[in-house]
Each structure stands twice: as structure tokens, then as C-alpha cells.
Amino acid sequence: SLTVLQALEDGLKKADADPSVKAVTICGDNGKFSAGADIRGFSSPKKQGIGLGPIVSLIERSEKPVVAAIEGVALGGGLEVALGCHYRIAHVQARMGLPEVTIGLLPGAEGTQRLPRLIGVPAALDIITTGRHVPATEALKLGLVDEVVEENTVEAAIHLANKL
């Protein structure tokens, strides 16, 4: 939503400007990282505000380490946000993917560029073209996430951020 995008932008800019902030952790609410965009908004008149692509680029350009704490799902734009982060930690039950292809859409926030760079072209093509949800353990093997945890994902991400 526009509200979430604005909060991400404001939070990242504030963190980057604050010398006391050493790293950033991005997490979702209610045990879910992000199920992506609400497609009902695609047919709405264009609203003012920043788009997902520039937010993901802002995350990627941060001079401070940014760690995604993926719980539940990171799908579509949610996975694209995680791909912009410097590190990704996932709960063992998390699933990730770019399912928008199943309704005739391609990932629009550069997921089609970042995913192949991270996990290689063959694996990325499979995920991008099938829309399947990748379990955390497979995501770890592919290099999509840096760590899989069974406990509190946010605490693990903060621990990693503090180490960095």
C-alpha cells in the first residue's frame, strides 16, 4: 500500500541520516513479511507517492546494512523488497516467490533483475515463470536467503545486523 511504501521510505531515510543507527531490519506484521501488492489498486487512478521500484533501490543503496526478517510469506513485491536488502533471514516455515505471473503480470520492481543476480539464471527463471512458492529450506540452498531459523526471525535479523 502507499502507506507502507511511505513508511519504508521515511524509515530508511531517517535511519541513513542518523549516525547512531548502525543497521536496519525490515520485517512484516502478524507473522507475515509481505504478500505483495493489492492488485485491486492496479485499476485505481494513479496516486501521488513513491513506487515500489524506487523503494527497493533505496534499500539497496543504503550505506548501512539492511536485513530482511522473512516470516510467513514474501511474495511478489514483498520478495522484491527482500531482494533489495543486503541480507535475508527466513523462518523455517516461510515461503517466497513471484506469483504475479499466474495472473499475467511480470514482477515490476526489478525482481526479474535482482533474483538472477542472486541465485543464477536457471533457478530464477523457474521461480519467475512458474510463480511457485519456494520454501525457506530450498531458498537457503539456492542462496535466496542467508539463514533459516526456527525461532524468532526478527531477533535473529537484529542479531545479524548487530554483528555487521
Protein backbone atom coordinates (compact mmCIF):
# COMPACT_ATOMS: atom_id res chain seq x y z
CA SER A 1 0.00 0.00 0.00
CA LEU A 2 1.00 3.61 -0.38
CA THR A 3 1.13 3.86 3.42
CA VAL A 4 3.64 1.01 3.71
CA LEU A 5 5.80 2.37 0.89
CA GLN A 6 5.86 5.81 2.50
CA ALA A 7 6.74 4.31 5.89
CA LEU A 8 9.61 2.35 4.33
CA GLU A 9 10.93 5.44 2.58
CA ASP A 10 10.67 7.61 5.69
CA GLY A 11 12.22 4.96 7.94
CA LEU A 12 15.13 4.26 5.60
CA LYS A 13 15.93 7.93 5.08
CA LYS A 14 15.74 8.58 8.83
CA ALA A 15 17.99 5.58 9.60
CA ASP A 16 20.54 6.58 6.96
CA ALA A 17 20.69 10.14 8.34
CA ASP A 18 21.06 9.07 11.98
CA PRO A 19 24.68 8.28 12.91
CA SER A 20 23.54 6.29 15.95
CA VAL A 21 21.76 3.78 13.68
CA LYS A 22 24.24 1.13 12.58
CA ALA A 23 21.92 -1.24 10.66
CA VAL A 24 18.27 -1.69 9.68
CA THR A 25 15.94 -4.66 9.96
CA ILE A 26 12.80 -4.80 7.83
CA CYS A 27 10.01 -7.09 9.00
CA GLY A 28 6.31 -7.54 8.50
CA ASP A 29 3.43 -7.63 10.92
CA ASN A 30 1.38 -10.51 12.29
CA GLY A 31 3.89 -13.18 11.26
CA LYS A 32 3.99 -12.25 7.57
CA PHE A 33 6.73 -10.36 5.78
CA SER A 34 4.63 -9.23 2.81
CA ALA A 35 2.22 -10.86 0.41
CA GLY A 36 2.96 -8.13 -2.11
CA ALA A 37 0.76 -5.52 -3.70
CA ASP A 38 -3.01 -5.46 -3.56
CA ILE A 39 -3.84 -5.96 -7.24
CA ARG A 40 -7.13 -4.11 -6.82
CA GLY A 41 -5.03 -0.95 -6.66
CA PHE A 42 -3.73 -1.52 -10.20
CA SER A 43 -7.02 -0.35 -11.70
CA SER A 44 -7.28 2.69 -9.43
CA PRO A 45 -6.32 6.13 -10.67
CA LYS A 46 -2.60 6.83 -10.15
CA LYS A 47 -2.00 8.28 -6.71
CA GLN A 48 0.83 10.53 -5.64
CA GLY A 49 3.72 8.90 -3.86
CA ILE A 50 6.73 6.75 -4.42
CA GLY A 51 6.51 3.41 -6.21
CA LEU A 52 7.88 0.06 -5.11
CA GLY A 53 10.85 0.06 -7.52
CA PRO A 54 12.38 3.26 -6.12
CA ILE A 55 11.87 1.98 -2.56
CA VAL A 56 13.69 -1.27 -3.35
CA SER A 57 16.52 0.74 -4.93
CA LEU A 58 16.64 2.98 -1.84
CA ILE A 59 17.03 -0.11 0.34
CA GLU A 60 19.75 -1.49 -1.90
CA ARG A 61 21.68 1.81 -1.90
CA SER A 62 21.65 2.16 1.88
CA GLU A 63 25.16 2.58 3.27
CA LYS A 64 24.02 0.74 6.39
CA PRO A 65 23.35 -3.00 6.31
CA VAL A 66 19.66 -3.80 5.75
CA VAL A 67 18.41 -7.22 6.86
CA ALA A 68 15.03 -8.69 5.88
CA ALA A 69 13.34 -10.81 8.57
CA ILE A 70 11.05 -13.02 6.48
CA GLU A 71 8.19 -14.69 8.32
CA GLY A 72 5.15 -16.27 6.71
CA VAL A 73 5.38 -15.17 3.10
CA ALA A 74 7.45 -12.82 0.96
CA LEU A 75 5.57 -12.86 -2.32
CA GLY A 76 5.60 -10.56 -5.33
CA GLY A 77 6.54 -7.06 -4.24
CA GLY A 78 7.31 -8.44 -0.78
CA LEU A 79 10.04 -10.64 -2.19
CA GLU A 80 11.27 -7.72 -4.28
CA VAL A 81 11.66 -5.68 -1.06
CA ALA A 82 13.62 -8.57 0.47
CA LEU A 83 15.78 -8.82 -2.66
CA GLY A 84 16.76 -5.17 -2.19
CA CYS A 85 18.01 -5.93 1.32
CA HIS A 86 21.67 -6.77 1.81
CA TYR A 87 20.85 -9.90 3.85
CA ARG A 88 17.79 -12.10 4.29
CA ILE A 89 16.85 -14.34 7.22
CA ALA A 90 13.79 -16.56 6.91
CA HIS A 91 11.75 -18.57 9.35
CA VAL A 92 11.82 -22.28 8.51
CA GLN A 93 8.11 -22.13 7.60
CA ALA A 94 8.43 -19.07 5.34
CA ARG A 95 7.71 -19.21 1.62
CA MET A 96 8.94 -16.86 -1.08
CA GLY A 97 8.03 -16.33 -4.71
CA LEU A 98 6.89 -14.11 -7.53
CA PRO A 99 3.35 -15.43 -8.15
CA GLU A 100 2.10 -12.49 -10.20
CA VAL A 101 2.96 -14.39 -13.39
CA THR A 102 -0.02 -16.65 -12.67
CA ILE A 103 -2.32 -13.70 -13.38
CA GLY A 104 -0.36 -12.49 -16.40
CA LEU A 105 1.92 -9.94 -14.73
CA LEU A 106 5.70 -9.79 -14.55
CA PRO A 107 7.45 -8.65 -11.35
CA GLY A 108 7.57 -4.88 -11.68
CA ALA A 109 10.13 -3.74 -9.09
CA GLU A 110 13.23 -5.24 -10.71
CA GLY A 111 12.76 -8.70 -9.20
CA THR A 112 13.47 -10.10 -12.65
CA GLN A 113 16.92 -8.50 -12.46
CA ARG A 114 17.84 -8.96 -8.79
CA LEU A 115 16.75 -12.61 -8.47
CA PRO A 116 19.01 -13.96 -11.28
CA ARG A 117 21.95 -11.97 -9.92
CA LEU A 118 21.43 -13.58 -6.53
CA ILE A 119 20.63 -17.21 -7.39
CA GLY A 120 21.59 -17.61 -11.05
CA VAL A 121 19.53 -17.55 -14.22
CA PRO A 122 18.18 -21.16 -14.32
CA ALA A 123 16.80 -21.11 -10.76
CA ALA A 124 15.47 -17.56 -11.16
CA LEU A 125 13.71 -18.40 -14.43
CA ASP A 126 11.97 -21.29 -12.72
CA ILE A 127 10.70 -19.07 -9.91
CA ILE A 128 9.77 -16.14 -12.18
CA THR A 129 7.97 -18.16 -14.85
CA THR A 130 6.10 -20.65 -12.66
CA GLY A 131 5.04 -18.38 -9.82
CA ARG A 132 5.68 -21.21 -7.36
CA HIS A 133 6.26 -20.56 -3.69
CA VAL A 134 9.77 -21.57 -2.59
CA PRO A 135 10.08 -23.00 0.95
CA ALA A 136 12.74 -21.46 3.20
CA THR A 137 14.97 -24.54 3.20
CA GLU A 138 15.10 -24.55 -0.61
CA ALA A 139 15.63 -20.76 -0.62
CA LEU A 140 18.69 -21.30 1.59
CA LYS A 141 20.11 -23.92 -0.79
CA LEU A 142 19.52 -21.57 -3.74
CA GLY A 143 21.20 -18.65 -1.98
CA LEU A 144 17.99 -16.63 -1.85
CA VAL A 145 18.28 -16.32 1.94
CA ASP A 146 21.39 -16.22 4.10
CA GLU A 147 20.00 -18.08 7.08
CA VAL A 148 16.94 -20.09 8.13
CA VAL A 149 15.84 -20.05 11.76
CA GLU A 150 13.25 -21.90 13.81
CA GLU A 151 12.95 -19.22 16.47
CA ASN A 152 12.14 -15.52 16.37
CA THR A 153 13.13 -14.27 12.91
CA VAL A 154 13.17 -10.60 13.87
CA GLU A 155 15.53 -11.26 16.81
CA ALA A 156 17.79 -13.31 14.51
CA ALA A 157 17.82 -10.49 11.95
CA ILE A 158 18.64 -7.92 14.62
CA HIS A 159 21.42 -10.19 15.92
CA LEU A 160 22.88 -10.43 12.40
CA ALA A 161 22.53 -6.68 11.89
CA ASN A 162 24.37 -6.04 15.17
CA LYS A 163 27.18 -8.38 14.11
CA LEU A 164 27.53 -6.48 10.84
